[in-house]
Amino acid sequence: MARSFETGVYLVRVLTDDRTNRLWVAAGSSPEDAVDLVLNAIPEGWSASPALEQLPPADIDGLNLKQGEVHEITRTIRMC
C-alpha cells in the first residue's frame, strides 16, 4: 500500500556560524523534512531545527508554497 505524503508548511530556526538565529519557512511532508530542505539551502556549518512557533492558517495560505520550497522569512534575530 502506497503512503501518501501531504505537504505542510513548517517554521525552521537556523543558527548561523556567528550564533545569529534566523527563521525560515519550508513546505515539506513533516517537520523533519522541512529541516532537511532548509539544511540543503543554507551554508555548510549552519544548523537548523524545527521552530516552536507556528504560522496561522491564513498566513500559510498566503504563502502559496509548493512541496520543497524554502524561504527565509526574517533577517536577523539576536539571542542573548
Protein backbone atom coordinates (compact mmCIF):
# COMPACT_ATOMS: atom_id res chain seq x y z
CA MET A 1 0.00 0.00 0.00
CA ALA A 2 1.45 3.36 -1.03
CA ARG A 3 1.87 6.06 1.56
CA SER A 4 0.56 9.49 0.71
CA PHE A 5 2.52 12.50 1.86
CA GLU A 6 0.66 15.71 2.48
CA THR A 7 2.67 18.90 2.23
CA GLY A 8 2.72 21.07 5.32
CA VAL A 9 4.31 24.45 5.93
CA TYR A 10 6.76 24.49 8.82
CA LEU A 11 8.89 27.12 10.51
CA VAL A 12 12.56 26.21 10.89
CA ARG A 13 15.02 28.01 13.17
CA VAL A 14 18.51 28.38 11.69
CA LEU A 15 21.64 29.09 13.71
CA THR A 16 24.41 30.69 11.69
CA ASP A 17 28.13 30.24 12.29
CA ASP A 18 28.22 33.60 14.12
CA ARG A 19 25.45 32.41 16.52
CA THR A 20 22.70 34.51 14.91
CA ASN A 21 19.24 32.96 14.72
CA ARG A 22 17.18 33.20 11.54
CA LEU A 23 13.69 31.96 10.82
CA TRP A 24 12.89 30.07 7.62
CA VAL A 25 9.70 28.55 6.25
CA ALA A 26 9.64 25.28 4.30
CA ALA A 27 6.98 23.20 2.59
CA GLY A 28 7.63 19.56 3.41
CA SER A 29 5.95 16.31 4.33
CA SER A 30 6.97 16.62 8.02
CA PRO A 31 8.90 18.97 10.31
CA GLU A 32 11.97 16.77 9.81
CA ASP A 33 11.59 17.00 6.04
CA ALA A 34 11.32 20.79 6.33
CA VAL A 35 14.56 20.89 8.34
CA ASP A 36 16.31 18.78 5.67
CA LEU A 37 15.07 21.13 2.94
CA VAL A 38 16.42 24.15 4.82
CA LEU A 39 19.75 22.42 5.53
CA ASN A 40 20.12 21.95 1.77
CA ALA A 41 19.53 25.69 1.23
CA ILE A 42 21.80 27.19 3.89
CA PRO A 43 25.61 27.36 4.02
CA GLU A 44 27.56 24.42 5.39
CA GLY A 45 28.31 24.87 9.07
CA TRP A 46 24.91 26.38 9.89
CA SER A 47 22.38 24.28 11.79
CA ALA A 48 18.61 24.00 11.58
CA SER A 49 15.87 22.69 13.85
CA PRO A 50 12.08 22.79 13.92
CA ALA A 51 10.82 26.06 15.41
CA LEU A 52 8.42 26.05 18.33
CA GLU A 53 6.35 28.79 16.68
CA GLN A 54 3.64 28.00 14.15
CA LEU A 55 2.14 30.14 11.42
CA PRO A 56 -1.60 30.85 11.50
CA PRO A 57 -3.56 29.10 8.70
CA ALA A 58 -4.29 32.42 6.95
CA ASP A 59 -0.55 33.18 6.72
CA ILE A 60 0.18 29.69 5.41
CA ASP A 61 -2.44 30.08 2.69
CA GLY A 62 -0.97 33.45 1.71
CA LEU A 63 2.50 31.95 1.18
CA ASN A 64 1.25 29.56 -1.52
CA LEU A 65 4.34 27.34 -1.15
CA LYS A 66 4.81 24.19 -3.19
CA GLN A 67 6.44 20.99 -1.93
CA GLY A 68 10.18 21.52 -1.49
CA GLU A 69 10.18 25.33 -1.42
CA VAL A 70 12.07 27.17 1.32
CA HIS A 71 12.35 30.88 2.14
CA GLU A 72 13.97 32.95 4.85
CA ILE A 73 11.24 35.00 6.46
CA THR A 74 13.24 37.18 8.85
CA ARG A 75 16.51 38.94 8.56
CA THR A 76 18.20 38.53 11.93
CA ILE A 77 17.14 37.59 15.44
CA ARG A 78 19.82 38.15 18.06
CA MET A 79 19.65 35.82 21.05
CA CYS A 80 21.31 37.00 24.26
